[in-house]
Structure formats: structure tokens, C-alpha cells
Amino acid sequence: MAGVLYLCPTPIGNLKDASERVIETLSSVDLIAAEDTRNSLKLMNAFDIHVPMTSYHEYNKTQKAITLIEKLKEGTNIALITDAGTPAISDPGEVLVDMCIEEGIKVTSLPGPCACIVALTLSGLSSRRFCFEGFLPSDKKERNAVLEELKIEHRTVILYEAPHHLVNTLSQLRDTLGEDRRIVLCRELTKKFEEAVRTTIGEAIAMYEDKEPRGEYVLVVEGIDRKEEEESRKNDWVSIDIESHMKIYTDKGMDKKEAMKAVAKDRGISKSEVYKALL
């Protein structure tokens, strides 16, 4: 009988956040796959857990997953943990989970700490609809593409960032989203000196002109207001006349009636106003 893969969330700063169920699971499995075994050893010692550990991280995620799959097939129960937080959130855990599902191996996820959710609920920004982007792509072209998508994102956006990249990322957010967009900078979550700075992107950049960012950051960014988006879209068309605007759509094969409807929507005016302008 095949073993089970347990996804076990670990504390993101406060050891007391480790649930009884997670501790019990870590104590009872046959093997623990950890992002950094040296770092996880502190957690094991704190809860008197003496289970063999093996490393599973970004640089061995595919090859090591094959090895872990074989062990699971042999009946080994394995717990997957990260340095902090929930496995498969901004770490290679998703690769192992996907492979387990393909092989018909049971996977179960235990509830527990997750930095992005802690930051969102702490931010004061809308939590009804949100999107999690994790770390922005390192590739410049891909990164710019994601930033352009975020420019028109209505939902609250959650990002992760390292301290040495923080100012650069804030600058890129300012250039794309504007300096007045509200943002909450969270750090040291669940720890003694937990901090959630509620400000704007422009003011956040000014904050770090004289001080160096410290600690891992979770950035919670306000989504664009629908009215603001509509105004922005209308302004994009102000620079061209209605006749040229119509031509953009008719050149794409749209008939005149549909083109007039599209132009009216783009500019926030009625179809009759478009018709009069064309006359």
C-alpha cells in the first residue's frame, strides 16, 4: 500500500503557531522532506521530533521528487515542510504534489500559517477579492508583462519581496501603478516586532531613502478602482479624433454599427454623440 504525502505548514515566525495536528503528523511520518534541513532542525528540536529528514528545494525539486515518489510507492509516509509557511506557496512543493497526483498517490494538506493570508487580513485593504503573485519574475520582459497586468487589476494584490530588492520593486510599482496607490508593507509577521506600514507607493519609496530595508516583506497593494480605470481608459482615447477611433475598429473588419458602439463605450459617450461627430 502506498504511503501518503502530508503538506505541513510551519510557523512563519512564532513557534507557538505550530498546530497540534502538524506536530503529531511530523512525529508520526517515516520521513520529512524539508526545504533546508539545518533550518528545520531547530523546529524539530523545539518539539522533540526525531524523524529522518531529507532536503527538497528549488534546485533539486524534479530529480528529488522522483526519489520521493518511489519511497511513497513503497509505503513510506512523507511530510513536506518549508522553512516557513505553507508548502507549495512560492516554493517547489507544487512539483511534488503534481507528480503524486499523476501517480495516484494520496496527498493531504494540513491548515496552518501562511504569510500572504496573515498580511492580507492585517492590511485593512479589501479581502473580498485578492490575487497572490508571490515574487515577481526575475526575467525583465516577463516581469514587465506581469506589472502591466497588475496595472488594471481590480483585486487586492499580494507580493513577496526580499529586502535587497524592495526599493527597486517599489520603484517599478510606482512607474506602473502610480505613486498614490495604497500599499501596506508587512514584515516580521507574528514576531515581537511585527510591522505593517500602511502608506502609498510614493511615500514607501521615500521611507527607504534614509534607512535600509530589513527582513522579508509581504506587500499588499490596493487594486485599481473601477471608476479610476474607466477614466483612464477614456483618457487613452482623447488624443485621437472619433473618425480615427472608428477606423481602428473598421480596419479590423467590424461593421460600422458595431464600431460606433465600441467607440462610444471606449470614450464613455452615447452612440448618438459618435454619429453626430462623424457627420
Protein backbone atom coordinates (compact mmCIF):
# COMPACT_ATOMS: atom_id res chain seq x y z
CA MET A 1 0.00 0.00 0.00
CA ALA A 2 1.35 3.43 -1.00
CA GLY A 3 2.24 6.00 1.58
CA VAL A 4 0.71 9.47 1.99
CA LEU A 5 2.26 12.88 1.31
CA TYR A 6 1.40 15.33 4.08
CA LEU A 7 1.79 19.07 3.42
CA CYS A 8 2.61 20.54 6.82
CA PRO A 9 2.65 24.33 7.36
CA THR A 10 5.35 25.53 9.72
CA PRO A 11 5.46 28.76 11.79
CA ILE A 12 6.41 31.93 9.91
CA GLY A 13 7.96 33.48 12.98
CA ASN A 14 6.26 32.35 16.17
CA LEU A 15 6.82 28.71 17.19
CA LYS A 16 3.51 28.70 19.09
CA ASP A 17 1.71 28.79 15.74
CA ALA A 18 2.62 25.16 15.04
CA SER A 19 -0.64 23.26 15.41
CA GLU A 20 -1.00 20.08 17.46
CA ARG A 21 -2.01 18.23 14.32
CA VAL A 22 1.12 19.33 12.44
CA ILE A 23 3.37 18.34 15.36
CA GLU A 24 1.60 15.00 15.63
CA THR A 25 1.96 14.39 11.89
CA LEU A 26 5.64 15.33 11.81
CA SER A 27 6.25 12.98 14.73
CA SER A 28 4.47 10.03 13.13
CA VAL A 29 5.63 10.04 9.49
CA ASP A 30 8.59 7.99 8.27
CA LEU A 31 10.42 10.84 6.53
CA ILE A 32 10.35 14.66 6.47
CA ALA A 33 11.26 16.45 3.22
CA ALA A 34 12.47 19.91 4.23
CA GLU A 35 13.46 22.98 2.22
CA ASP A 36 16.54 23.43 4.44
CA THR A 37 17.24 20.60 6.88
CA ARG A 38 19.54 22.77 9.02
CA ASN A 39 16.85 25.39 9.48
CA SER A 40 14.13 22.78 10.11
CA LEU A 41 16.27 21.05 12.74
CA LYS A 42 15.51 23.97 15.07
CA LEU A 43 11.79 23.25 14.72
CA MET A 44 12.32 19.52 15.27
CA ASN A 45 14.37 20.14 18.41
CA ALA A 46 11.77 22.57 19.76
CA PHE A 47 9.07 19.89 19.62
CA ASP A 48 11.27 16.88 20.35
CA ILE A 49 10.69 15.33 16.92
CA HIS A 50 13.20 12.66 15.89
CA VAL A 51 12.27 11.70 12.33
CA PRO A 52 14.82 11.40 9.49
CA MET A 53 14.94 14.43 7.19
CA THR A 54 15.95 14.87 3.56
CA SER A 55 16.34 18.07 1.56
CA TYR A 56 13.79 19.09 -1.03
CA HIS A 57 14.27 22.56 -2.53
CA GLU A 58 14.22 24.66 -5.70
CA TYR A 59 17.44 23.21 -7.09
CA ASN A 60 16.58 19.51 -6.75
CA LYS A 61 12.78 19.71 -6.98
CA THR A 62 12.33 17.48 -10.03
CA GLN A 63 15.01 14.83 -9.54
CA LYS A 64 14.39 14.55 -5.80
CA ALA A 65 10.64 14.32 -6.40
CA ILE A 66 11.24 11.14 -8.43
CA THR A 67 13.09 9.62 -5.47
CA LEU A 68 10.34 10.65 -3.02
CA ILE A 69 7.66 9.24 -5.31
CA GLU A 70 9.42 5.85 -5.27
CA LYS A 71 9.53 5.91 -1.47
CA LEU A 72 5.84 6.78 -1.32
CA LYS A 73 5.04 3.88 -3.65
CA GLU A 74 6.91 1.60 -1.25
CA GLY A 75 4.61 2.68 1.59
CA THR A 76 6.70 5.46 3.16
CA ASN A 77 4.65 8.28 4.70
CA ILE A 78 6.31 11.63 3.99
CA ALA A 79 5.73 15.12 5.39
CA LEU A 80 6.72 18.09 3.24
CA ILE A 81 7.71 21.32 5.02
CA THR A 82 9.26 24.65 4.03
CA ASP A 83 11.45 26.98 6.04
CA ALA A 84 8.29 28.90 6.99
CA GLY A 85 4.65 28.80 5.99
CA THR A 86 2.55 26.51 3.81
CA PRO A 87 4.24 24.14 1.33
CA ALA A 88 3.57 24.82 -2.39
CA ILE A 89 3.11 28.57 -1.79
CA SER A 90 6.09 30.24 -3.53
CA ASP A 91 8.21 27.10 -3.22
CA PRO A 92 8.75 23.91 -5.28
CA GLY A 93 6.20 21.84 -3.35
CA GLU A 94 3.72 22.09 -6.22
CA VAL A 95 6.03 19.97 -8.39
CA LEU A 96 5.97 17.07 -5.95
CA VAL A 97 2.20 17.37 -5.41
CA ASP A 98 1.56 17.32 -9.16
CA MET A 99 3.71 14.22 -9.60
CA CYS A 100 1.95 12.46 -6.70
CA ILE A 101 -1.44 13.15 -8.27
CA GLU A 102 -0.24 11.75 -11.60
CA GLU A 103 0.94 8.59 -9.84
CA GLY A 104 -2.29 8.20 -7.86
CA ILE A 105 -0.57 8.82 -4.52
CA LYS A 106 -2.71 10.37 -1.79
CA VAL A 107 -1.86 13.96 -0.83
CA THR A 108 -3.37 15.78 2.14
CA SER A 109 -2.79 19.38 3.18
CA LEU A 110 -2.94 20.48 6.80
CA PRO A 111 -4.16 24.02 7.57
CA GLY A 112 -1.73 26.44 9.17
CA PRO A 113 0.43 29.56 8.85
CA CYS A 114 0.68 31.36 5.51
CA ALA A 115 2.36 34.79 5.31
CA CYS A 116 0.26 36.09 2.42
CA ILE A 117 -3.02 35.50 4.28
CA VAL A 118 -1.70 36.95 7.53
CA ALA A 119 -0.59 40.10 5.67
CA LEU A 120 -3.86 40.43 3.76
CA THR A 121 -6.02 40.24 6.88
CA LEU A 122 -3.68 42.65 8.67
CA SER A 123 -3.58 45.20 5.83
CA GLY A 124 -7.02 46.75 6.13
CA LEU A 125 -7.39 46.62 2.34
CA SER A 126 -10.23 44.72 0.67
CA SER A 127 -10.01 40.99 1.31
CA ARG A 128 -13.20 40.07 -0.57
CA ARG A 129 -11.25 39.55 -3.80
CA PHE A 130 -7.48 39.25 -3.99
CA CYS A 131 -4.71 37.73 -6.10
CA PHE A 132 -1.39 36.32 -4.98
CA GLU A 133 1.61 36.95 -7.23
CA GLY A 134 4.40 35.78 -4.91
CA PHE A 135 7.80 37.00 -6.07
CA LEU A 136 7.75 38.95 -9.33
CA PRO A 137 9.63 37.19 -12.18
CA SER A 138 13.38 37.89 -12.37
CA ASP A 139 13.27 37.95 -16.19
CA LYS A 140 12.83 41.61 -17.18
CA LYS A 141 10.41 41.00 -20.06
CA GLU A 142 8.21 38.64 -18.03
CA ARG A 143 8.34 40.97 -15.03
CA ASN A 144 7.17 43.95 -17.12
CA ALA A 145 4.34 41.86 -18.55
CA VAL A 146 3.13 40.96 -15.04
CA LEU A 147 3.37 44.59 -13.91
CA GLU A 148 1.26 45.68 -16.88
CA GLU A 149 -1.37 43.12 -15.89
CA LEU A 150 -1.35 44.45 -12.32
CA LYS A 151 -1.93 47.97 -13.66
CA ILE A 152 -5.56 47.06 -14.41
CA GLU A 153 -6.06 44.53 -11.59
CA HIS A 154 -9.19 45.31 -9.54
CA ARG A 155 -8.39 42.82 -6.79
CA THR A 156 -6.04 43.43 -3.88
CA VAL A 157 -2.57 42.21 -4.93
CA ILE A 158 -0.18 40.34 -2.62
CA LEU A 159 3.56 40.18 -3.40
CA TYR A 160 6.61 38.76 -1.65
CA GLU A 161 9.95 40.60 -1.76
CA ALA A 162 13.44 40.28 -0.31
CA PRO A 163 14.88 43.34 1.47
CA HIS A 164 17.69 43.93 -1.07
CA HIS A 165 15.15 44.10 -3.93
CA LEU A 166 12.45 46.08 -2.11
CA VAL A 167 13.26 49.62 -3.27
CA ASN A 168 13.67 48.54 -6.89
CA THR A 169 10.33 46.71 -6.82
CA LEU A 170 8.59 49.69 -5.19
CA SER A 171 10.03 51.96 -7.91
CA GLN A 172 8.68 49.66 -10.63
CA LEU A 173 5.29 49.56 -8.93
CA ARG A 174 5.27 53.37 -8.81
CA ASP A 175 6.13 53.63 -12.50
CA THR A 176 3.35 51.20 -13.40
CA LEU A 177 0.60 51.77 -10.83
CA GLY A 178 1.31 55.37 -9.81
CA GLU A 179 2.74 56.84 -6.63
CA ASP A 180 -0.65 57.40 -4.97
CA ARG A 181 -1.73 53.74 -4.99
CA ARG A 182 -2.22 52.49 -1.42
CA ILE A 183 0.16 49.80 -0.19
CA VAL A 184 0.84 48.00 3.09
CA LEU A 185 4.39 46.81 3.80
CA CYS A 186 4.39 43.88 6.22
CA ARG A 187 7.47 42.42 7.88
CA GLU A 188 8.39 40.34 10.93
CA LEU A 189 4.89 38.83 10.82
CA THR A 190 3.82 37.02 14.02
CA LYS A 191 7.08 38.08 15.73
CA LYS A 192 7.65 40.50 18.58
CA PHE A 193 8.45 43.44 16.30
CA GLU A 194 5.75 42.76 13.73
CA GLU A 195 5.20 45.76 11.47
CA ALA A 196 2.51 46.72 8.96
CA VAL A 197 3.15 50.14 7.41
CA ARG A 198 0.04 51.49 5.68
CA THR A 199 1.03 54.14 3.16
CA THR A 200 1.24 54.90 -0.57
CA ILE A 201 3.81 53.58 -3.03
CA GLY A 202 5.43 57.01 -3.36
CA GLU A 203 5.67 57.50 0.40
CA ALA A 204 7.01 53.96 0.83
CA ILE A 205 9.92 54.74 -1.50
CA ALA A 206 10.67 57.94 0.43
CA MET A 207 10.74 55.92 3.68
CA TYR A 208 13.74 53.94 2.49
CA GLU A 209 15.83 56.87 1.26
CA ASP A 210 17.50 57.07 4.67
CA LYS A 211 17.12 53.55 6.03
CA GLU A 212 17.90 50.07 4.81
CA PRO A 213 15.04 47.55 4.43
CA ARG A 214 15.38 44.58 6.80
CA GLY A 215 13.57 41.26 6.86
CA GLU A 216 11.40 39.53 4.30
CA TYR A 217 8.47 41.64 3.08
CA VAL A 218 4.89 40.94 2.11
CA LEU A 219 3.46 43.79 0.04
CA VAL A 220 -0.30 44.22 -0.08
CA VAL A 221 -1.32 46.59 -2.87
CA GLU A 222 -4.73 48.13 -3.44
CA GLY A 223 -6.42 47.15 -6.69
CA ILE A 224 -7.45 49.80 -9.20
CA ASP A 225 -10.82 51.44 -8.61
CA ARG A 226 -13.29 50.70 -11.43
CA LYS A 227 -14.16 54.39 -11.85
CA GLU A 228 -10.47 55.22 -11.99
CA GLU A 229 -9.97 52.56 -14.65
CA GLU A 230 -12.86 53.89 -16.73
CA GLU A 231 -11.44 57.42 -16.58
CA SER A 232 -8.00 56.13 -17.51
CA ARG A 233 -9.44 54.22 -20.47
CA LYS A 234 -11.36 57.27 -21.65
CA ASN A 235 -8.26 59.44 -21.42
CA ASP A 236 -6.36 56.98 -23.60
CA TRP A 237 -8.69 57.88 -26.49
CA VAL A 238 -8.70 61.66 -26.03
CA SER A 239 -5.59 62.07 -28.15
CA ILE A 240 -7.31 60.84 -31.32
CA ASP A 241 -10.46 62.07 -33.07
CA ILE A 242 -13.59 59.93 -33.33
CA GLU A 243 -13.11 59.27 -37.05
CA SER A 244 -9.63 57.78 -36.43
CA HIS A 245 -11.03 55.85 -33.49
CA MET A 246 -13.74 54.37 -35.73
CA LYS A 247 -11.12 53.39 -38.32
CA ILE A 248 -9.26 51.26 -35.76
CA TYR A 249 -12.32 49.01 -35.46
CA THR A 250 -13.47 49.06 -39.09
CA ASP A 251 -9.94 48.12 -40.20
CA LYS A 252 -10.32 45.01 -38.04
CA GLY A 253 -13.42 44.03 -40.03
CA MET A 254 -16.06 45.35 -37.64
CA ASP A 255 -19.18 46.79 -39.29
CA LYS A 256 -19.97 50.48 -38.83
CA LYS A 257 -22.78 49.95 -36.31
CA GLU A 258 -20.67 47.75 -34.03
CA ALA A 259 -17.69 50.07 -34.41
CA MET A 260 -19.80 53.04 -33.30
CA LYS A 261 -20.93 51.05 -30.26
CA ALA A 262 -17.33 50.16 -29.36
CA VAL A 263 -16.14 53.76 -29.80
CA ALA A 264 -18.97 55.07 -27.61
CA LYS A 265 -18.04 52.59 -24.87
CA ASP A 266 -14.32 53.44 -25.07
CA ARG A 267 -14.96 57.17 -24.78
CA GLY A 268 -17.83 56.99 -22.29
CA ILE A 269 -20.26 58.77 -24.59
CA SER A 270 -23.51 57.82 -26.35
CA LYS A 271 -23.75 56.33 -29.85
CA SER A 272 -25.67 59.40 -30.97
CA GLU A 273 -22.72 61.60 -29.99
CA VAL A 274 -20.43 59.38 -32.09
CA TYR A 275 -22.88 59.63 -35.00
CA LYS A 276 -23.05 63.44 -34.77
CA ALA A 277 -19.26 63.71 -34.66
CA LEU A 278 -18.93 61.59 -37.78
CA LEU A 279 -21.45 63.80 -39.61
